[in-house]
Each structure stands twice: as structure tokens, then as C-alpha cells.
Amino acid sequence: MSVQMQYVQSSNLEAVGYSRKTERLYIQFKSGAEWVYNGVSFTVYQNLMSAPSKGKYFYYNIRDIYAAWEGSPDTDDELFI
């Protein structure tokens, strides 16, 4: 899978990617961890990318709301059943 990761200005998030086809949000954290969030609408992705504080938006609107697993755009299909 080829999802373009975009570096973001954030104290917690390093890069963000999104697939409209699968509605999956990919987040790489400053710690190096990579997570995949399933069922994220394009609107939520747009709101994240335009939020003044991406870390706060992620925490309150994504983190505990969507099914997630550790992975990257290259490995998420093998990890999610």
C-alpha cells in the first residue's frame, strides 16, 4: 500500500498519512511508534491536519474513538482481521 506520510508541526506527532479508499489514518509519533486508525472519515483527517494543535485534536477526537493497532502503511493489512 502506498500512503504518503506528511510531516506535521507537533510536539507529539511526527507524520500523518491517510487513505480515502480504506478510511485509515496513519500516525507516526515522535517516539517512533506507528499506529493505524480504522474507519476515520476524510473530514476528521482534514480537521486534524488543519487543527492549531494536532496533538490535542488527536487526543480528543481520534485516540480512544477509532479501532487502532500498531503498524504502518506497509504492514497494516496483515495485522488487521
C-alpha atoms as a PDB file:
ATOM      1  CA  MET A   1       0.000   0.000   0.000  1.00  0.00           C
ATOM      2  CA  SER A   2       1.323   3.416  -0.891  1.00  0.00           C
ATOM      3  CA  VAL A   3       0.218   6.101   1.530  1.00  0.00           C
ATOM      4  CA  GLN A   4       2.114   9.364   1.517  1.00  0.00           C
ATOM      5  CA  MET A   5       3.144  10.404   5.015  1.00  0.00           C
ATOM      6  CA  GLN A   6       3.247  14.140   5.646  1.00  0.00           C
ATOM      7  CA  TYR A   7       5.436  15.635   8.355  1.00  0.00           C
ATOM      8  CA  VAL A   8       3.463  17.845  10.733  1.00  0.00           C
ATOM      9  CA  GLN A   9       4.333  20.516  13.253  1.00  0.00           C
ATOM     10  CA  SER A  10       3.504  18.966  16.601  1.00  0.00           C
ATOM     11  CA  SER A  11       5.219  18.151  19.874  1.00  0.00           C
ATOM     12  CA  ASN A  12       3.742  14.615  19.824  1.00  0.00           C
ATOM     13  CA  LEU A  13       3.026  13.652  16.201  1.00  0.00           C
ATOM     14  CA  GLU A  14       5.817  13.289  13.650  1.00  0.00           C
ATOM     15  CA  ALA A  15       3.921  12.451  10.444  1.00  0.00           C
ATOM     16  CA  VAL A  16       0.382  11.715   9.275  1.00  0.00           C
ATOM     17  CA  GLY A  17      -0.970   9.805   6.282  1.00  0.00           C
ATOM     18  CA  TYR A  18      -4.473   8.941   5.116  1.00  0.00           C
ATOM     19  CA  SER A  19      -6.113   6.530   2.673  1.00  0.00           C
ATOM     20  CA  ARG A  20      -9.531   7.628   1.418  1.00  0.00           C
ATOM     21  CA  LYS A  21     -10.033   4.196  -0.111  1.00  0.00           C
ATOM     22  CA  THR A  22      -9.699   2.307   3.186  1.00  0.00           C
ATOM     23  CA  GLU A  23     -10.541   5.209   5.556  1.00  0.00           C
ATOM     24  CA  ARG A  24      -7.379   4.510   7.508  1.00  0.00           C
ATOM     25  CA  LEU A  25      -5.352   7.158   9.274  1.00  0.00           C
ATOM     26  CA  TYR A  26      -1.646   6.502   9.783  1.00  0.00           C
ATOM     27  CA  ILE A  27       0.240   8.317  12.516  1.00  0.00           C
ATOM     28  CA  GLN A  28       3.920   8.221  13.303  1.00  0.00           C
ATOM     29  CA  PHE A  29       4.700   9.610  16.729  1.00  0.00           C
ATOM     30  CA  LYS A  30       7.842  11.441  17.846  1.00  0.00           C
ATOM     31  CA  SER A  31       8.658   8.339  19.894  1.00  0.00           C
ATOM     32  CA  GLY A  32       8.952   6.362  16.652  1.00  0.00           C
ATOM     33  CA  ALA A  33       5.781   4.327  17.230  1.00  0.00           C
ATOM     34  CA  GLU A  34       3.478   3.967  14.233  1.00  0.00           C
ATOM     35  CA  TRP A  35      -0.272   3.397  14.572  1.00  0.00           C
ATOM     36  CA  VAL A  36      -3.137   2.778  12.167  1.00  0.00           C
ATOM     37  CA  TYR A  37      -6.651   4.067  12.959  1.00  0.00           C
ATOM     38  CA  ASN A  38      -9.531   2.410  11.109  1.00  0.00           C
ATOM     39  CA  GLY A  39     -12.792   3.985   9.920  1.00  0.00           C
ATOM     40  CA  VAL A  40     -11.592   7.586  10.077  1.00  0.00           C
ATOM     41  CA  SER A  41     -13.588   9.872   7.771  1.00  0.00           C
ATOM     42  CA  PHE A  42     -11.889  12.261   5.385  1.00  0.00           C
ATOM     43  CA  THR A  43     -13.452  15.139   7.328  1.00  0.00           C
ATOM     44  CA  VAL A  44     -11.770  14.022  10.564  1.00  0.00           C
ATOM     45  CA  TYR A  45      -8.449  13.756   8.694  1.00  0.00           C
ATOM     46  CA  GLN A  46      -8.902  17.278   7.278  1.00  0.00           C
ATOM     47  CA  ASN A  47      -9.790  18.615  10.719  1.00  0.00           C
ATOM     48  CA  LEU A  48      -6.665  17.012  12.182  1.00  0.00           C
ATOM     49  CA  MET A  49      -4.444  18.497   9.507  1.00  0.00           C
ATOM     50  CA  SER A  50      -5.902  21.987   9.953  1.00  0.00           C
ATOM     51  CA  ALA A  51      -6.029  21.938  13.763  1.00  0.00           C
ATOM     52  CA  PRO A  52      -3.820  24.505  15.514  1.00  0.00           C
ATOM     53  CA  SER A  53      -2.779  21.751  17.934  1.00  0.00           C
ATOM     54  CA  LYS A  54      -2.654  18.424  16.124  1.00  0.00           C
ATOM     55  CA  GLY A  55      -1.739  16.589  19.322  1.00  0.00           C
ATOM     56  CA  LYS A  56      -4.798  17.889  21.175  1.00  0.00           C
ATOM     57  CA  TYR A  57      -7.093  17.174  18.224  1.00  0.00           C
ATOM     58  CA  PHE A  58      -5.731  13.641  18.016  1.00  0.00           C
ATOM     59  CA  TYR A  59      -6.137  13.086  21.755  1.00  0.00           C
ATOM     60  CA  TYR A  60      -9.738  14.298  21.960  1.00  0.00           C
ATOM     61  CA  ASN A  61     -11.114  13.206  18.572  1.00  0.00           C
ATOM     62  CA  ILE A  62      -9.212  10.128  17.413  1.00  0.00           C
ATOM     63  CA  ARG A  63      -7.151   8.298  20.036  1.00  0.00           C
ATOM     64  CA  ASP A  64      -9.805   6.438  22.006  1.00  0.00           C
ATOM     65  CA  ILE A  65     -12.577   6.658  19.412  1.00  0.00           C
ATOM     66  CA  TYR A  66     -11.327   4.557  16.494  1.00  0.00           C
ATOM     67  CA  ALA A  67     -10.140   0.951  16.373  1.00  0.00           C
ATOM     68  CA  ALA A  68      -6.359   1.036  16.179  1.00  0.00           C
ATOM     69  CA  TRP A  69      -3.304  -1.171  16.046  1.00  0.00           C
ATOM     70  CA  GLU A  70       0.430  -0.711  15.868  1.00  0.00           C
ATOM     71  CA  GLY A  71       1.598  -0.754  12.284  1.00  0.00           C
ATOM     72  CA  SER A  72       2.492   1.270   9.229  1.00  0.00           C
ATOM     73  CA  PRO A  73       1.037   1.774   5.741  1.00  0.00           C
ATOM     74  CA  ASP A  74       3.137  -1.191   4.598  1.00  0.00           C
ATOM     75  CA  THR A  75       2.029  -3.655   7.284  1.00  0.00           C
ATOM     76  CA  ASP A  76      -1.481  -2.758   8.411  1.00  0.00           C
ATOM     77  CA  ASP A  77      -3.349  -5.145   6.089  1.00  0.00           C
ATOM     78  CA  GLU A  78      -1.524  -8.126   7.542  1.00  0.00           C
ATOM     79  CA  LEU A  79      -2.273  -7.089  11.122  1.00  0.00           C
ATOM     80  CA  PHE A  80      -5.964  -6.242  10.853  1.00  0.00           C
ATOM     81  CA  ILE A  81      -8.540  -9.013  10.555  1.00  0.00           C
END
